[in-house]
Amino acid sequence: QVQLVESGGGLVQPGGSLRLSCSVSESIFSFDVLGWYLQVPGNQRELVAASPRWGSSRYSDSVQGRFVISRDRAKNTVDLQMNSLKPEDTGVYYCNGERMMPSGSKVDVWGQGTQVTVSS
């Protein structure tokens, strides 16, 4: 069974930086899309950044220009560099892997999440 394990969360002051890492138990290039989602209490998970196997990465409007998603072939991880953090970036960040099946259906795999708190 595929496993995604996040790390790197924590407490940071506004304006600071954090780097999240998602370790994947299978090749990161076996996924059509790898992404990071944010969930705050009472809300659904929302896409923050996505790295498709082909094509350009995409970001939510709220993090565009501040966050960078990348795949590390050597470590087999998908990382999220978060800069200029704001209190509204606070929440649980989940790593997601998406695969399209030959039938046309989609299979999602999720990590357990890592808490990020931006506060002074």
Protein backbone atom coordinates (compact mmCIF):
# COMPACT_ATOMS: atom_id res chain seq x y z
CA GLN A 1 0.00 0.00 0.00
CA VAL A 2 1.34 3.39 -0.97
CA GLN A 3 2.23 5.66 1.92
CA LEU A 4 2.77 9.40 2.02
CA VAL A 5 4.44 10.81 5.14
CA GLU A 6 4.67 14.55 5.74
CA SER A 7 7.24 16.32 7.87
CA GLY A 8 8.50 19.83 8.51
CA GLY A 9 5.53 21.52 10.11
CA GLY A 10 5.75 23.68 13.19
CA LEU A 11 5.36 27.14 14.66
CA VAL A 12 6.77 30.11 12.77
CA GLN A 13 6.43 33.87 13.06
CA PRO A 14 4.71 35.92 10.36
CA GLY A 15 7.14 36.62 7.55
CA GLY A 16 9.11 33.48 8.27
CA SER A 17 9.70 30.35 6.20
CA LEU A 18 9.10 26.63 6.50
CA ARG A 19 9.83 23.71 4.24
CA LEU A 20 7.44 20.77 4.20
CA SER A 21 8.50 17.43 2.83
CA CYS A 22 6.39 14.45 1.78
CA SER A 23 8.16 11.13 1.62
CA VAL A 24 6.55 8.71 -0.84
CA SER A 25 6.85 4.91 -0.58
CA GLU A 26 6.67 4.47 -4.38
CA SER A 27 8.35 6.43 -7.14
CA ILE A 28 7.16 10.02 -7.17
CA PHE A 29 7.03 9.75 -10.95
CA SER A 30 4.40 7.02 -10.75
CA PHE A 31 1.88 9.71 -9.76
CA ASP A 32 0.17 11.90 -12.31
CA VAL A 33 -0.08 14.74 -9.81
CA LEU A 34 1.50 15.34 -6.42
CA GLY A 35 0.17 18.19 -4.38
CA TRP A 36 -0.25 19.93 -1.06
CA TYR A 37 -3.60 20.83 0.48
CA LEU A 38 -4.48 23.01 3.45
CA GLN A 39 -7.31 22.33 5.85
CA VAL A 40 -8.44 24.71 8.55
CA PRO A 41 -11.06 23.74 11.17
CA GLY A 42 -14.57 23.81 9.77
CA ASN A 43 -13.41 24.00 6.16
CA GLN A 44 -12.73 21.53 3.38
CA ARG A 45 -9.24 20.80 2.23
CA GLU A 46 -8.14 23.25 -0.41
CA LEU A 47 -5.42 22.87 -2.97
CA VAL A 48 -2.35 24.97 -2.23
CA ALA A 49 0.10 23.72 -4.85
CA ALA A 50 0.22 20.91 -7.39
CA SER A 51 3.04 19.35 -9.38
CA PRO A 52 1.86 17.42 -12.43
CA ARG A 53 4.11 14.79 -13.92
CA TRP A 54 4.03 16.79 -17.13
CA GLY A 55 3.53 20.51 -17.34
CA SER A 56 3.91 23.42 -15.00
CA SER A 57 3.15 23.53 -11.33
CA ARG A 58 0.09 25.45 -10.25
CA TYR A 59 -0.72 27.39 -7.09
CA SER A 60 -3.69 28.87 -5.34
CA ASP A 61 -3.99 32.63 -5.66
CA SER A 62 -3.30 33.06 -1.96
CA VAL A 63 0.18 31.48 -2.13
CA GLN A 64 1.25 32.38 -5.66
CA GLY A 65 4.70 33.97 -5.50
CA ARG A 66 5.34 32.83 -1.93
CA PHE A 67 5.27 29.03 -2.09
CA VAL A 68 7.20 26.69 -4.37
CA ILE A 69 6.44 23.01 -4.91
CA SER A 70 9.13 20.67 -6.17
CA ARG A 71 9.85 16.99 -6.70
CA ASP A 72 13.16 15.67 -5.40
CA ARG A 73 14.17 12.64 -7.45
CA ALA A 74 17.08 11.68 -5.19
CA LYS A 75 15.05 11.70 -1.97
CA ASN A 76 11.78 10.61 -3.62
CA THR A 77 9.88 13.44 -1.98
CA VAL A 78 7.61 16.27 -2.96
CA ASP A 79 8.47 19.40 -1.04
CA LEU A 80 6.74 22.69 -0.37
CA GLN A 81 8.90 25.71 0.34
CA MET A 82 6.77 28.30 2.12
CA ASN A 83 8.07 31.85 2.35
CA SER A 84 6.64 35.11 3.68
CA LEU A 85 4.21 33.15 5.81
CA LYS A 86 1.01 34.78 7.01
CA PRO A 87 -1.32 33.88 9.90
CA GLU A 88 -3.92 32.78 7.34
CA ASP A 89 -1.52 30.06 6.17
CA THR A 90 -2.15 28.30 9.48
CA GLY A 91 -3.69 24.85 9.36
CA VAL A 92 -2.97 21.22 8.63
CA TYR A 93 -1.12 20.57 5.40
CA TYR A 94 -1.76 17.30 3.63
CA CYS A 95 0.29 15.67 0.91
CA ASN A 96 -1.74 14.13 -1.92
CA GLY A 97 -0.86 11.75 -4.73
CA GLU A 98 -3.23 11.32 -7.66
CA ARG A 99 -3.27 8.58 -10.27
CA MET A 100 -5.52 8.23 -13.29
CA MET A 101 -6.55 4.64 -13.95
CA PRO A 102 -6.98 3.14 -17.46
CA SER A 103 -10.72 3.06 -16.74
CA GLY A 104 -10.69 6.83 -16.42
CA SER A 105 -11.26 6.84 -12.69
CA LYS A 106 -8.96 8.68 -10.32
CA VAL A 107 -7.25 7.27 -7.24
CA ASP A 108 -6.13 9.60 -4.44
CA VAL A 109 -3.65 8.80 -1.70
CA TRP A 110 -3.30 11.07 1.34
CA GLY A 111 -0.72 11.57 4.04
CA GLN A 112 -1.61 12.01 7.70
CA GLY A 113 -1.02 15.78 7.67
CA THR A 114 1.38 18.15 9.40
CA GLN A 115 0.40 21.20 11.43
CA VAL A 116 1.67 24.63 10.46
CA THR A 117 1.03 27.54 12.81
CA VAL A 118 1.96 31.08 11.84
CA SER A 119 1.78 33.31 14.88
CA SER A 120 3.78 35.88 16.78
